[in-house]
Amino acid sequence: MELIGKALTLSELVSYQEGSVVSKTLIDKKIGTVTMFSFGAGQGLSEHIVPYDAFVQIVDGEAEVVINGETHTVSAGQMIIMPASIPHELKAVKPFKMLLVMIRT
């Protein structure tokens, strides 16, 4: 699907798949990426560290985001920034969709 120059609804760019994480890269440039994700209930991204900040906007549902051991509940319409070089993880207590923006410079 061509994305450039079109008005699109974020939540429609990825579908839920039970027991899976689905991703669609919207922009992939040397300086960063923009990716849509959907997480089925019970799915997530295990704890990891990246060398740059990661901006997450929840588009649908509700996510459990753990940053350096502190748990945050982030709901549709809310955002959170996961800081560079700090351990973080995401969990789907129930299904959710998110937009992830990472800028590498």
PDB file of N, CA and C in Angstrom:
ATOM      1  N   MET A   1       0.842  -1.176   0.000  1.00  0.00           N
ATOM      2  CA  MET A   1       0.000   0.000   0.000  1.00  0.00           C
ATOM      3  C   MET A   1       0.888   1.240   0.000  1.00  0.00           C
ATOM      4  N   GLU A   2       0.629   2.132  -0.896  1.00  0.00           N
ATOM      5  CA  GLU A   2       1.363   3.394  -0.955  1.00  0.00           C
ATOM      6  C   GLU A   2       0.867   4.295   0.171  1.00  0.00           C
ATOM      7  N   LEU A   3       1.788   4.844   0.950  1.00  0.00           N
ATOM      8  CA  LEU A   3       1.422   5.663   2.094  1.00  0.00           C
ATOM      9  C   LEU A   3       1.612   7.153   1.859  1.00  0.00           C
ATOM     10  N   ILE A   4       2.570   7.510   1.028  1.00  0.00           N
ATOM     11  CA  ILE A   4       2.954   8.899   0.863  1.00  0.00           C
ATOM     12  C   ILE A   4       1.865   9.689   0.141  1.00  0.00           C
ATOM     13  N   GLY A   5       1.536  10.856   0.712  1.00  0.00           N
ATOM     14  CA  GLY A   5       0.566  11.749   0.094  1.00  0.00           C
ATOM     15  C   GLY A   5      -0.876  11.347   0.286  1.00  0.00           C
ATOM     16  N   LYS A   6      -1.143  10.433   1.233  1.00  0.00           N
ATOM     17  CA  LYS A   6      -2.513   9.982   1.478  1.00  0.00           C
ATOM     18  C   LYS A   6      -2.873  10.186   2.938  1.00  0.00           C
ATOM     19  N   ALA A   7      -4.119  10.552   3.189  1.00  0.00           N
ATOM     20  CA  ALA A   7      -4.637  10.626   4.556  1.00  0.00           C
ATOM     21  C   ALA A   7      -5.059   9.215   4.963  1.00  0.00           C
ATOM     22  N   LEU A   8      -4.456   8.707   6.019  1.00  0.00           N
ATOM     23  CA  LEU A   8      -4.720   7.338   6.460  1.00  0.00           C
ATOM     24  C   LEU A   8      -5.039   7.320   7.952  1.00  0.00           C
ATOM     25  N   THR A   9      -5.766   6.324   8.377  1.00  0.00           N
ATOM     26  CA  THR A   9      -6.079   6.140   9.788  1.00  0.00           C
ATOM     27  C   THR A   9      -5.065   5.178  10.382  1.00  0.00           C
ATOM     28  N   LEU A  10      -4.289   5.642  11.376  1.00  0.00           N
ATOM     29  CA  LEU A  10      -3.211   4.825  11.940  1.00  0.00           C
ATOM     30  C   LEU A  10      -3.682   3.440  12.381  1.00  0.00           C
ATOM     31  N   SER A  11      -4.801   3.387  13.089  1.00  0.00           N
ATOM     32  CA  SER A  11      -5.251   2.107  13.635  1.00  0.00           C
ATOM     33  C   SER A  11      -5.603   1.085  12.560  1.00  0.00           C
ATOM     34  N   GLU A  12      -5.806   1.540  11.317  1.00  0.00           N
ATOM     35  CA  GLU A  12      -6.152   0.623  10.232  1.00  0.00           C
ATOM     36  C   GLU A  12      -4.934   0.104   9.476  1.00  0.00           C
ATOM     37  N   LEU A  13      -3.736   0.603   9.813  1.00  0.00           N
ATOM     38  CA  LEU A  13      -2.529   0.201   9.082  1.00  0.00           C
ATOM     39  C   LEU A  13      -2.015  -1.184   9.462  1.00  0.00           C
ATOM     40  N   VAL A  14      -2.367  -1.663  10.652  1.00  0.00           N
ATOM     41  CA  VAL A  14      -2.025  -3.026  11.065  1.00  0.00           C
ATOM     42  C   VAL A  14      -3.250  -3.660  11.708  1.00  0.00           C
ATOM     43  N   SER A  15      -3.394  -4.952  11.528  1.00  0.00           N
ATOM     44  CA  SER A  15      -4.514  -5.695  12.114  1.00  0.00           C
ATOM     45  C   SER A  15      -4.025  -6.490  13.306  1.00  0.00           C
ATOM     46  N   TYR A  16      -4.947  -6.816  14.191  1.00  0.00           N
ATOM     47  CA  TYR A  16      -4.626  -7.705  15.296  1.00  0.00           C
ATOM     48  C   TYR A  16      -4.574  -9.136  14.776  1.00  0.00           C
ATOM     49  N   GLN A  17      -3.598  -9.889  15.258  1.00  0.00           N
ATOM     50  CA  GLN A  17      -3.524 -11.322  14.990  1.00  0.00           C
ATOM     51  C   GLN A  17      -3.293 -11.996  16.330  1.00  0.00           C
ATOM     52  N   GLU A  18      -4.226 -12.845  16.707  1.00  0.00           N
ATOM     53  CA  GLU A  18      -4.159 -13.495  18.010  1.00  0.00           C
ATOM     54  C   GLU A  18      -2.818 -14.196  18.206  1.00  0.00           C
ATOM     55  N   GLY A  19      -2.203 -13.945  19.361  1.00  0.00           N
ATOM     56  CA  GLY A  19      -0.938 -14.588  19.696  1.00  0.00           C
ATOM     57  C   GLY A  19       0.259 -14.046  18.944  1.00  0.00           C
ATOM     58  N   SER A  20       0.126 -12.867  18.309  1.00  0.00           N
ATOM     59  CA  SER A  20       1.211 -12.346  17.473  1.00  0.00           C
ATOM     60  C   SER A  20       1.452 -10.862  17.688  1.00  0.00           C
ATOM     61  N   VAL A  21       2.639 -10.452  17.267  1.00  0.00           N
ATOM     62  CA  VAL A  21       2.984  -9.040  17.144  1.00  0.00           C
ATOM     63  C   VAL A  21       3.101  -8.776  15.647  1.00  0.00           C
ATOM     64  N   VAL A  22       2.400  -7.753  15.167  1.00  0.00           N
ATOM     65  CA  VAL A  22       2.428  -7.394  13.752  1.00  0.00           C
ATOM     66  C   VAL A  22       3.038  -6.003  13.646  1.00  0.00           C
ATOM     67  N   SER A  23       3.928  -5.817  12.665  1.00  0.00           N
ATOM     68  CA  SER A  23       4.514  -4.489  12.482  1.00  0.00           C
ATOM     69  C   SER A  23       4.479  -4.092  11.012  1.00  0.00           C
ATOM     70  N   LYS A  24       4.406  -2.778  10.799  1.00  0.00           N
ATOM     71  CA  LYS A  24       4.462  -2.220   9.447  1.00  0.00           C
ATOM     72  C   LYS A  24       5.316  -0.962   9.519  1.00  0.00           C
ATOM     73  N   THR A  25       6.429  -0.978   8.799  1.00  0.00           N
ATOM     74  CA  THR A  25       7.306   0.184   8.757  1.00  0.00           C
ATOM     75  C   THR A  25       6.706   1.229   7.827  1.00  0.00           C
ATOM     76  N   LEU A  26       6.513   2.428   8.345  1.00  0.00           N
ATOM     77  CA  LEU A  26       5.932   3.517   7.572  1.00  0.00           C
ATOM     78  C   LEU A  26       7.015   4.404   6.964  1.00  0.00           C
ATOM     79  N   ILE A  27       8.074   4.638   7.713  1.00  0.00           N
ATOM     80  CA  ILE A  27       9.226   5.406   7.242  1.00  0.00           C
ATOM     81  C   ILE A  27      10.482   4.705   7.751  1.00  0.00           C
ATOM     82  N   ASP A  28      11.441   4.512   6.860  1.00  0.00           N
ATOM     83  CA  ASP A  28      12.711   3.890   7.231  1.00  0.00           C
ATOM     84  C   ASP A  28      13.834   4.680   6.570  1.00  0.00           C
ATOM     85  N   LYS A  29      14.434   5.554   7.344  1.00  0.00           N
ATOM     86  CA  LYS A  29      15.506   6.408   6.850  1.00  0.00           C
ATOM     87  C   LYS A  29      16.744   6.214   7.724  1.00  0.00           C
ATOM     88  N   LYS A  30      17.862   6.655   7.231  1.00  0.00           N
ATOM     89  CA  LYS A  30      19.114   6.553   7.975  1.00  0.00           C
ATOM     90  C   LYS A  30      19.001   7.214   9.357  1.00  0.00           C
ATOM     91  N   ILE A  31      18.262   8.323   9.442  1.00  0.00           N
ATOM     92  CA  ILE A  31      18.170   9.046  10.712  1.00  0.00           C
ATOM     93  C   ILE A  31      17.094   8.502  11.648  1.00  0.00           C
ATOM     94  N   GLY A  32      16.225   7.605  11.178  1.00  0.00           N
ATOM     95  CA  GLY A  32      15.217   7.051  12.070  1.00  0.00           C
ATOM     96  C   GLY A  32      14.115   6.306  11.356  1.00  0.00           C
ATOM     97  N   THR A  33      13.206   5.768  12.171  1.00  0.00           N
ATOM     98  CA  THR A  33      12.098   4.969  11.644  1.00  0.00           C
ATOM     99  C   THR A  33      10.786   5.367  12.314  1.00  0.00           C
ATOM    100  N   VAL A  34       9.692   5.090  11.595  1.00  0.00           N
ATOM    101  CA  VAL A  34       8.340   5.217  12.122  1.00  0.00           C
ATOM    102  C   VAL A  34       7.663   3.891  11.800  1.00  0.00           C
ATOM    103  N   THR A  35       7.173   3.214  12.832  1.00  0.00           N
ATOM    104  CA  THR A  35       6.612   1.874  12.659  1.00  0.00           C
ATOM    105  C   THR A  35       5.312   1.736  13.439  1.00  0.00           C
ATOM    106  N   MET A  36       4.312   1.132  12.812  1.00  0.00           N
ATOM    107  CA  MET A  36       3.057   0.786  13.495  1.00  0.00           C
ATOM    108  C   MET A  36       3.149  -0.668  13.952  1.00  0.00           C
ATOM    109  N   PHE A  37       2.649  -0.931  15.145  1.00  0.00           N
ATOM    110  CA  PHE A  37       2.633  -2.283  15.705  1.00  0.00           C
ATOM    111  C   PHE A  37       1.238  -2.611  16.218  1.00  0.00           C
ATOM    112  N   SER A  38       0.887  -3.885  16.163  1.00  0.00           N
ATOM    113  CA  SER A  38      -0.254  -4.391  16.932  1.00  0.00           C
ATOM    114  C   SER A  38       0.249  -5.580  17.742  1.00  0.00           C
ATOM    115  N   PHE A  39      -0.243  -5.673  18.959  1.00  0.00           N
ATOM    116  CA  PHE A  39       0.147  -6.740  19.880  1.00  0.00           C
ATOM    117  C   PHE A  39      -1.102  -7.488  20.306  1.00  0.00           C
ATOM    118  N   GLY A  40      -1.101  -8.801  20.106  1.00  0.00           N
ATOM    119  CA  GLY A  40      -2.175  -9.615  20.632  1.00  0.00           C
ATOM    120  C   GLY A  40      -2.029  -9.740  22.135  1.00  0.00           C
ATOM    121  N   ALA A  41      -3.115 -10.063  22.824  1.00  0.00           N
ATOM    122  CA  ALA A  41      -3.075 -10.225  24.282  1.00  0.00           C
ATOM    123  C   ALA A  41      -1.973 -11.199  24.665  1.00  0.00           C
ATOM    124  N   GLY A  42      -1.196 -10.826  25.678  1.00  0.00           N
ATOM    125  CA  GLY A  42      -0.126 -11.678  26.162  1.00  0.00           C
ATOM    126  C   GLY A  42       1.197 -11.507  25.428  1.00  0.00           C
ATOM    127  N   GLN A  43       1.198 -10.731  24.360  1.00  0.00           N
ATOM    128  CA  GLN A  43       2.421 -10.522  23.585  1.00  0.00           C
ATOM    129  C   GLN A  43       3.172  -9.302  24.101  1.00  0.00           C
ATOM    130  N   GLY A  44       4.403  -9.112  23.623  1.00  0.00           N
ATOM    131  CA  GLY A  44       5.163  -7.945  24.036  1.00  0.00           C
ATOM    132  C   GLY A  44       6.540  -7.927  23.416  1.00  0.00           C
ATOM    133  N   LEU A  45       7.313  -6.954  23.846  1.00  0.00           N
ATOM    134  CA  LEU A  45       8.729  -6.867  23.495  1.00  0.00           C
ATOM    135  C   LEU A  45       9.488  -7.012  24.797  1.00  0.00           C
ATOM    136  N   SER A  46      10.374  -7.989  24.862  1.00  0.00           N
ATOM    137  CA  SER A  46      11.108  -8.243  26.100  1.00  0.00           C
ATOM    138  C   SER A  46      12.065  -7.099  26.406  1.00  0.00           C
ATOM    139  N   GLU A  47      12.526  -7.060  27.630  1.00  0.00           N
ATOM    140  CA  GLU A  47      13.397  -5.975  28.073  1.00  0.00           C
ATOM    141  C   GLU A  47      14.612  -5.847  27.164  1.00  0.00           C
ATOM    142  N   HIS A  48      14.900  -4.611  26.765  1.00  0.00           N
ATOM    143  CA  HIS A  48      16.044  -4.335  25.904  1.00  0.00           C
ATOM    144  C   HIS A  48      16.479  -2.890  26.108  1.00  0.00           C
ATOM    145  N   ILE A  49      17.604  -2.555  25.526  1.00  0.00           N
ATOM    146  CA  ILE A  49      18.162  -1.206  25.602  1.00  0.00           C
ATOM    147  C   ILE A  49      18.509  -0.773  24.183  1.00  0.00           C
ATOM    148  N   VAL A  50      18.201   0.476  23.850  1.00  0.00           N
ATOM    149  CA  VAL A  50      18.614   1.045  22.567  1.00  0.00           C
ATOM    150  C   VAL A  50      19.366   2.346  22.842  1.00  0.00           C
ATOM    151  N   PRO A  51      20.253   2.751  21.943  1.00  0.00           N
ATOM    152  CA  PRO A  51      21.094   3.925  22.198  1.00  0.00           C
ATOM    153  C   PRO A  51      20.440   5.272  21.867  1.00  0.00           C
ATOM    154  N   TYR A  52      19.102   5.287  21.682  1.00  0.00           N
ATOM    155  CA  TYR A  52      18.409   6.539  21.382  1.00  0.00           C
ATOM    156  C   TYR A  52      16.998   6.482  21.963  1.00  0.00           C
ATOM    157  N   ASP A  53      16.410   7.649  22.191  1.00  0.00           N
ATOM    158  CA  ASP A  53      15.053   7.716  22.730  1.00  0.00           C
ATOM    159  C   ASP A  53      14.058   7.077  21.772  1.00  0.00           C
ATOM    160  N   ALA A  54      12.995   6.503  22.330  1.00  0.00           N
ATOM    161  CA  ALA A  54      11.923   5.914  21.531  1.00  0.00           C
ATOM    162  C   ALA A  54      10.596   6.527  21.977  1.00  0.00           C
ATOM    163  N   PHE A  55       9.884   7.129  21.032  1.00  0.00           N
ATOM    164  CA  PHE A  55       8.587   7.751  21.282  1.00  0.00           C
ATOM    165  C   PHE A  55       7.503   6.738  20.927  1.00  0.00           C
ATOM    166  N   VAL A  56       6.612   6.471  21.865  1.00  0.00           N
ATOM    167  CA  VAL A  56       5.513   5.531  21.634  1.00  0.00           C
ATOM    168  C   VAL A  56       4.193   6.243  21.872  1.00  0.00           C
ATOM    169  N   GLN A  57       3.291   6.144  20.878  1.00  0.00           N
ATOM    170  CA  GLN A  57       1.927   6.641  21.031  1.00  0.00           C
ATOM    171  C   GLN A  57       0.992   5.450  20.925  1.00  0.00           C
ATOM    172  N   ILE A  58       0.158   5.253  21.938  1.00  0.00           N
ATOM    173  CA  ILE A  58      -0.817   4.167  21.893  1.00  0.00           C
ATOM    174  C   ILE A  58      -2.004   4.651  21.060  1.00  0.00           C
ATOM    175  N   VAL A  59      -2.333   3.879  20.033  1.00  0.00           N
ATOM    176  CA  VAL A  59      -3.380   4.242  19.080  1.00  0.00           C
ATOM    177  C   VAL A  59      -4.695   3.549  19.426  1.00  0.00           C
ATOM    178  N   ASP A  60      -4.602   2.344  19.982  1.00  0.00           N
ATOM    179  CA  ASP A  60      -5.787   1.564  20.330  1.00  0.00           C
ATOM    180  C   ASP A  60      -5.434   0.670  21.503  1.00  0.00           C
ATOM    181  N   GLY A  61      -6.362   0.508  22.436  1.00  0.00           N
ATOM    182  CA  GLY A  61      -6.131  -0.392  23.556  1.00  0.00           C
ATOM    183  C   GLY A  61      -5.295   0.236  24.657  1.00  0.00           C
ATOM    184  N   GLU A  62      -4.542  -0.622  25.336  1.00  0.00           N
ATOM    185  CA  GLU A  62      -3.781  -0.193  26.504  1.00  0.00           C
ATOM    186  C   GLU A  62      -2.528  -1.047  26.632  1.00  0.00           C
ATOM    187  N   ALA A  63      -1.394  -0.395  26.871  1.00  0.00           N
ATOM    188  CA  ALA A  63      -0.112  -1.099  26.991  1.00  0.00           C
ATOM    189  C   ALA A  63       0.438  -0.956  28.395  1.00  0.00           C
ATOM    190  N   GLU A  64       1.198  -1.957  28.791  1.00  0.00           N
ATOM    191  CA  GLU A  64       1.982  -1.869  30.020  1.00  0.00           C
ATOM    192  C   GLU A  64       3.422  -1.653  29.576  1.00  0.00           C
ATOM    193  N   VAL A  65       3.974  -0.503  29.930  1.00  0.00           N
ATOM    194  CA  VAL A  65       5.336  -0.148  29.542  1.00  0.00           C
ATOM    195  C   VAL A  65       6.180  -0.095  30.803  1.00  0.00           C
ATOM    196  N   VAL A  66       7.264  -0.862  30.819  1.00  0.00           N
ATOM    197  CA  VAL A  66       8.154  -0.896  31.978  1.00  0.00           C
ATOM    198  C   VAL A  66       9.462  -0.218  31.575  1.00  0.00           C
ATOM    199  N   ILE A  67       9.800   0.848  32.307  1.00  0.00           N
ATOM    200  CA  ILE A  67      11.038   1.582  32.062  1.00  0.00           C
ATOM    201  C   ILE A  67      11.879   1.521  33.329  1.00  0.00           C
ATOM    202  N   ASN A  68      13.021   0.877  33.224  1.00  0.00           N
ATOM    203  CA  ASN A  68      13.947   0.763  34.361  1.00  0.00           C
ATOM    204  C   ASN A  68      13.238   0.225  35.601  1.00  0.00           C
ATOM    205  N   GLY A  69      12.366  -0.769  35.400  1.00  0.00           N
ATOM    206  CA  GLY A  69      11.666  -1.422  36.499  1.00  0.00           C
ATOM    207  C   GLY A  69      10.381  -0.753  36.940  1.00  0.00           C
ATOM    208  N   GLU A  70      10.068   0.444  36.430  1.00  0.00           N
ATOM    209  CA  GLU A  70       8.849   1.148  36.805  1.00  0.00           C
ATOM    210  C   GLU A  70       7.775   0.921  35.748  1.00  0.00           C
ATOM    211  N   THR A  71       6.604   0.438  36.172  1.00  0.00           N
ATOM    212  CA  THR A  71       5.517   0.104  35.254  1.00  0.00           C
ATOM    213  C   THR A  71       4.601   1.304  35.030  1.00  0.00           C
ATOM    214  N   HIS A  72       4.275   1.542  33.756  1.00  0.00           N
ATOM    215  CA  HIS A  72       3.366   2.611  33.355  1.00  0.00           C
ATOM    216  C   HIS A  72       2.254   1.995  32.519  1.00  0.00           C
ATOM    217  N   THR A  73       1.018   2.363  32.804  1.00  0.00           N
ATOM    218  CA  THR A  73      -0.111   1.962  31.973  1.00  0.00           C
ATOM    219  C   THR A  73      -0.386   3.116  31.021  1.00  0.00           C
ATOM    220  N   VAL A  74      -0.327   2.825  29.713  1.00  0.00           N
ATOM    221  CA  VAL A  74      -0.479   3.860  28.691  1.00  0.00           C
ATOM    222  C   VAL A  74      -1.660   3.450  27.806  1.00  0.00           C
ATOM    223  N   SER A  75      -2.637   4.343  27.687  1.00  0.00           N
ATOM    224  CA  SER A  75      -3.881   4.046  26.977  1.00  0.00           C
ATOM    225  C   SER A  75      -3.967   4.794  25.657  1.00  0.00           C
ATOM    226  N   ALA A  76      -4.931   4.392  24.834  1.00  0.00           N
ATOM    227  CA  ALA A  76      -5.162   5.032  23.531  1.00  0.00           C
ATOM    228  C   ALA A  76      -5.224   6.542  23.693  1.00  0.00           C
ATOM    229  N   GLY A  77      -4.480   7.236  22.829  1.00  0.00           N
ATOM    230  CA  GLY A  77      -4.413   8.682  22.873  1.00  0.00           C
ATOM    231  C   GLY A  77      -3.270   9.212  23.720  1.00  0.00           C
ATOM    232  N   GLN A  78      -2.614   8.342  24.481  1.00  0.00           N
ATOM    233  CA  GLN A  78      -1.494   8.755  25.312  1.00  0.00           C
ATOM    234  C   GLN A  78      -0.176   8.345  24.667  1.00  0.00           C
ATOM    235  N   MET A  79       0.902   8.986  25.135  1.00  0.00           N
ATOM    236  CA  MET A  79       2.233   8.665  24.636  1.00  0.00           C
ATOM    237  C   MET A  79       3.199   8.556  25.805  1.00  0.00           C
ATOM    238  N   ILE A  80       4.344   7.929  25.528  1.00  0.00           N
ATOM    239  CA  ILE A  80       5.414   7.825  26.508  1.00  0.00           C
ATOM    240  C   ILE A  80       6.735   7.803  25.741  1.00  0.00           C
ATOM    241  N   ILE A  81       7.755   8.385  26.321  1.00  0.00           N
ATOM    242  CA  ILE A  81       9.088   8.342  25.724  1.00  0.00           C
ATOM    243  C   ILE A  81       9.952   7.407  26.562  1.00  0.00           C
ATOM    244  N   MET A  82      10.498   6.410  25.899  1.00  0.00           N
ATOM    245  CA  MET A  82      11.411   5.471  26.554  1.00  0.00           C
ATOM    246  C   MET A  82      12.823   5.990  26.311  1.00  0.00           C
ATOM    247  N   PRO A  83      13.523   6.377  27.383  1.00  0.00           N
ATOM    248  CA  PRO A  83      14.819   7.043  27.206  1.00  0.00           C
ATOM    249  C   PRO A  83      15.930   6.122  26.719  1.00  0.00           C
ATOM    250  N   ALA A  84      16.868   6.731  26.009  1.00  0.00           N
ATOM    251  CA  ALA A  84      18.036   6.019  25.496  1.00  0.00           C
ATOM    252  C   ALA A  84      18.819   5.377  26.633  1.00  0.00           C
ATOM    253  N   SER A  85      19.357   4.209  26.349  1.00  0.00           N
ATOM    254  CA  SER A  85      20.288   3.505  27.242  1.00  0.00           C
ATOM    255  C   SER A  85      19.689   3.096  28.581  1.00  0.00           C
ATOM    256  N   ILE A  86      18.357   3.051  28.683  1.00  0.00           N
ATOM    257  CA  ILE A  86      17.658   2.603  29.890  1.00  0.00           C
ATOM    258  C   ILE A  86      16.827   1.367  29.508  1.00  0.00           C
ATOM    259  N   PRO A  87      16.893   0.292  30.301  1.00  0.00           N
ATOM    260  CA  PRO A  87      16.112  -0.910  29.962  1.00  0.00           C
ATOM    261  C   PRO A  87      14.611  -0.613  29.952  1.00  0.00           C
ATOM    262  N   HIS A  88      13.937  -1.149  28.937  1.00  0.00           N
ATOM    263  CA  HIS A  88      12.490  -0.998  28.839  1.00  0.00           C
ATOM    264  C   HIS A  88      11.881  -2.210  28.145  1.00  0.00           C
ATOM    265  N   GLU A  89      10.587  -2.394  28.367  1.00  0.00           N
ATOM    266  CA  GLU A  89       9.841  -3.471  27.721  1.00  0.00           C
ATOM    267  C   GLU A  89       8.382  -3.063  27.602  1.00  0.00           C
ATOM    268  N   LEU A  90       7.650  -3.748  26.717  1.00  0.00           N
ATOM    269  CA  LEU A  90       6.228  -3.490  26.527  1.00  0.00           C
ATOM    270  C   LEU A  90       5.474  -4.801  26.642  1.00  0.00           C
ATOM    271  N   LYS A  91       4.279  -4.735  27.247  1.00  0.00           N
ATOM    272  CA  LYS A  91       3.451  -5.924  27.405  1.00  0.00           C
ATOM    273  C   LYS A  91       2.010  -5.601  27.048  1.00  0.00           C
ATOM    274  N   ALA A  92       1.349  -6.571  26.439  1.00  0.00           N
ATOM    275  CA  ALA A  92      -0.071  -6.430  26.103  1.00  0.00           C
ATOM    276  C   ALA A  92      -0.894  -7.249  27.083  1.00  0.00           C
ATOM    277  N   VAL A  93      -1.387  -6.598  28.130  1.00  0.00           N
ATOM    278  CA  VAL A  93      -2.311  -7.280  29.032  1.00  0.00           C
ATOM    279  C   VAL A  93      -3.574  -7.620  28.244  1.00  0.00           C
ATOM    280  N   LYS A  94      -3.961  -6.678  27.362  1.00  0.00           N
ATOM    281  CA  LYS A  94      -5.011  -6.907  26.368  1.00  0.00           C
ATOM    282  C   LYS A  94      -4.477  -6.321  25.066  1.00  0.00           C
ATOM    283  N   PRO A  95      -5.074  -6.623  23.925  1.00  0.00           N
ATOM    284  CA  PRO A  95      -4.522  -6.157  22.654  1.00  0.00           C
ATOM    285  C   PRO A  95      -4.365  -4.635  22.603  1.00  0.00           C
ATOM    286  N   PHE A  96      -3.293  -4.182  21.936  1.00  0.00           N
ATOM    287  CA  PHE A  96      -3.098  -2.757  21.711  1.00  0.00           C
ATOM    288  C   PHE A  96      -2.322  -2.520  20.424  1.00  0.00           C
ATOM    289  N   LYS A  97      -2.457  -1.274  19.917  1.00  0.00           N
ATOM    290  CA  LYS A  97      -1.703  -0.836  18.744  1.00  0.00           C
ATOM    291  C   LYS A  97      -0.913   0.403  19.130  1.00  0.00           C
ATOM    292  N   MET A  98       0.294   0.515  18.572  1.00  0.00           N
ATOM    293  CA  MET A  98       1.124   1.672  18.895  1.00  0.00           C
ATOM    294  C   MET A  98       1.904   2.142  17.681  1.00  0.00           C
ATOM    295  N   LEU A  99       2.239   3.433  17.721  1.00  0.00           N
ATOM    296  CA  LEU A  99       3.117   4.044  16.741  1.00  0.00           C
ATOM    297  C   LEU A  99       4.452   4.262  17.449  1.00  0.00           C
ATOM    298  N   LEU A 100       5.520   3.734  16.884  1.00  0.00           N
ATOM    299  CA  LEU A 100       6.862   3.869  17.440  1.00  0.00           C
ATOM    300  C   LEU A 100       7.696   4.755  16.526  1.00  0.00           C
ATOM    301  N   VAL A 101       8.264   5.815  17.109  1.00  0.00           N
ATOM    302  CA  VAL A 101       9.141   6.726  16.370  1.00  0.00           C
ATOM    303  C   VAL A 101      10.504   6.708  17.035  1.00  0.00           C
ATOM    304  N   MET A 102      11.522   6.372  16.249  1.00  0.00           N
ATOM    305  CA  MET A 102      12.899   6.371  16.759  1.00  0.00           C
ATOM    306  C   MET A 102      13.742   7.245  15.849  1.00  0.00           C
ATOM    307  N   ILE A 103      14.415   8.208  16.451  1.00  0.00           N
ATOM    308  CA  ILE A 103      15.307   9.091  15.719  1.00  0.00           C
ATOM    309  C   ILE A 103      16.723   8.799  16.187  1.00  0.00           C
ATOM    310  N   ARG A 104      17.578   8.458  15.259  1.00  0.00           N
ATOM    311  CA  ARG A 104      18.895   7.941  15.596  1.00  0.00           C
ATOM    312  C   ARG A 104      19.984   8.990  15.749  1.00  0.00           C
ATOM    313  N   THR A 105      19.695  10.247  15.525  1.00  0.00           N
ATOM    314  CA  THR A 105      20.750  11.253  15.639  1.00  0.00           C
ATOM    315  C   THR A 105      20.468  12.227  16.752  1.00  0.00           C
TER     316      THR A 105
END
